[in-house]
Amino acid sequence: MLMVQVDFRKDNGSTITEKVVWVDASWDLKPGNLVEFCAEPGIWKVMKVYKTQIAAANLNKKWGLDLPKSQRTER
């Protein structure tokens, strides 16, 4: 499965929330599309879809998520 990075924005009237998420490239998202995530209530607007696509299996390796916790750099 290929993954693509997408910028999302949610405006609930009083605050604007933005996030960048890796999603399945087969969704074929375009700027202006509206998306709802199961874990995040509300409607998110697609702001930008990056061109780079990466296999899902390689995504964890690129970010070091396949390493043991003792070797990861995030805290």
C-alpha atoms as a PDB file:
ATOM      1  CA  MET A   1       0.000   0.000   0.000  1.00  0.00           C
ATOM      2  CA  LEU A   2       1.346   3.423  -0.927  1.00  0.00           C
ATOM      3  CA  MET A   3       1.041   6.293   1.519  1.00  0.00           C
ATOM      4  CA  VAL A   4       0.999  10.031   0.816  1.00  0.00           C
ATOM      5  CA  GLN A   5       1.401  12.986   3.175  1.00  0.00           C
ATOM      6  CA  VAL A   6      -1.583  15.356   3.437  1.00  0.00           C
ATOM      7  CA  ASP A   7      -2.156  18.679   5.250  1.00  0.00           C
ATOM      8  CA  PHE A   8      -5.575  18.870   6.945  1.00  0.00           C
ATOM      9  CA  ARG A   9      -7.352  21.788   8.632  1.00  0.00           C
ATOM     10  CA  LYS A  10     -10.427  21.818  10.877  1.00  0.00           C
ATOM     11  CA  ASP A  11     -12.242  25.051  11.739  1.00  0.00           C
ATOM     12  CA  ASN A  12     -14.760  24.726  14.561  1.00  0.00           C
ATOM     13  CA  GLY A  13     -15.606  28.428  14.707  1.00  0.00           C
ATOM     14  CA  SER A  14     -13.441  29.437  17.660  1.00  0.00           C
ATOM     15  CA  THR A  15     -10.212  27.586  16.811  1.00  0.00           C
ATOM     16  CA  ILE A  16      -8.442  26.267  13.748  1.00  0.00           C
ATOM     17  CA  THR A  17      -6.577  22.971  14.065  1.00  0.00           C
ATOM     18  CA  GLU A  18      -4.043  21.827  11.492  1.00  0.00           C
ATOM     19  CA  LYS A  19      -2.260  18.494  11.147  1.00  0.00           C
ATOM     20  CA  VAL A  20      -0.114  16.607   8.665  1.00  0.00           C
ATOM     21  CA  VAL A  21      -1.019  12.934   8.246  1.00  0.00           C
ATOM     22  CA  TRP A  22       0.189  10.000   6.147  1.00  0.00           C
ATOM     23  CA  VAL A  23      -2.864   8.436   4.459  1.00  0.00           C
ATOM     24  CA  ASP A  24      -3.512   5.744   1.865  1.00  0.00           C
ATOM     25  CA  ALA A  25      -2.695   7.157  -1.588  1.00  0.00           C
ATOM     26  CA  SER A  26      -5.643   5.227  -3.074  1.00  0.00           C
ATOM     27  CA  TRP A  27      -7.966   7.726  -1.365  1.00  0.00           C
ATOM     28  CA  ASP A  28      -6.934  10.083  -4.218  1.00  0.00           C
ATOM     29  CA  LEU A  29      -7.441  13.187  -2.077  1.00  0.00           C
ATOM     30  CA  LYS A  30      -7.416  16.653  -3.640  1.00  0.00           C
ATOM     31  CA  PRO A  31      -7.239  20.091  -1.984  1.00  0.00           C
ATOM     32  CA  GLY A  32     -10.733  21.076  -0.919  1.00  0.00           C
ATOM     33  CA  ASN A  33     -11.952  17.522  -0.195  1.00  0.00           C
ATOM     34  CA  LEU A  34     -13.646  16.997   3.166  1.00  0.00           C
ATOM     35  CA  VAL A  35     -12.662  14.014   5.313  1.00  0.00           C
ATOM     36  CA  GLU A  36     -13.855  12.603   8.630  1.00  0.00           C
ATOM     37  CA  PHE A  37     -11.522  10.467  10.756  1.00  0.00           C
ATOM     38  CA  CYS A  38     -12.854   7.816  13.153  1.00  0.00           C
ATOM     39  CA  ALA A  39     -10.558   8.862  16.005  1.00  0.00           C
ATOM     40  CA  GLU A  40     -10.971  12.630  15.424  1.00  0.00           C
ATOM     41  CA  PRO A  41     -14.542  13.917  15.447  1.00  0.00           C
ATOM     42  CA  GLY A  42     -15.404  16.681  13.016  1.00  0.00           C
ATOM     43  CA  ILE A  43     -14.838  17.423   9.359  1.00  0.00           C
ATOM     44  CA  TRP A  44     -11.287  18.058   8.137  1.00  0.00           C
ATOM     45  CA  LYS A  45     -10.539  19.957   4.919  1.00  0.00           C
ATOM     46  CA  VAL A  46      -7.643  18.841   2.704  1.00  0.00           C
ATOM     47  CA  MET A  47      -5.301  21.825   2.270  1.00  0.00           C
ATOM     48  CA  LYS A  48      -2.359  20.231   0.453  1.00  0.00           C
ATOM     49  CA  VAL A  49      -1.476  16.799  -0.912  1.00  0.00           C
ATOM     50  CA  TYR A  50       2.242  16.136  -1.296  1.00  0.00           C
ATOM     51  CA  LYS A  51       3.500  14.317  -4.398  1.00  0.00           C
ATOM     52  CA  THR A  52       5.907  11.916  -2.682  1.00  0.00           C
ATOM     53  CA  GLN A  53       4.466   8.449  -2.143  1.00  0.00           C
ATOM     54  CA  ILE A  54       6.101   5.790   0.016  1.00  0.00           C
ATOM     55  CA  ALA A  55       5.254   2.168   0.727  1.00  0.00           C
ATOM     56  CA  ALA A  56       3.606   1.735   4.108  1.00  0.00           C
ATOM     57  CA  ALA A  57       6.181  -0.906   5.050  1.00  0.00           C
ATOM     58  CA  ASN A  58       8.987   1.618   4.544  1.00  0.00           C
ATOM     59  CA  LEU A  59       7.255   4.446   6.389  1.00  0.00           C
ATOM     60  CA  ASN A  60       7.984   2.978   9.827  1.00  0.00           C
ATOM     61  CA  LYS A  61      11.637   2.440   8.891  1.00  0.00           C
ATOM     62  CA  LYS A  62      12.075   5.984   7.618  1.00  0.00           C
ATOM     63  CA  TRP A  63      10.861   7.471  10.898  1.00  0.00           C
ATOM     64  CA  GLY A  64      12.617   4.917  13.101  1.00  0.00           C
ATOM     65  CA  LEU A  65       9.355   3.569  14.495  1.00  0.00           C
ATOM     66  CA  ASP A  66      10.528   0.003  13.955  1.00  0.00           C
ATOM     67  CA  LEU A  67      13.402   0.535  16.412  1.00  0.00           C
ATOM     68  CA  PRO A  68      13.185  -0.556  20.047  1.00  0.00           C
ATOM     69  CA  LYS A  69      11.968   2.241  22.334  1.00  0.00           C
ATOM     70  CA  SER A  70      15.429   2.542  23.888  1.00  0.00           C
ATOM     71  CA  GLN A  71      16.864   3.550  20.473  1.00  0.00           C
ATOM     72  CA  ARG A  72      14.157   6.012  19.447  1.00  0.00           C
ATOM     73  CA  THR A  73      14.792   9.724  19.638  1.00  0.00           C
ATOM     74  CA  GLU A  74      11.279  10.987  20.459  1.00  0.00           C
ATOM     75  CA  ARG A  75      10.486  11.714  24.082  1.00  0.00           C
END
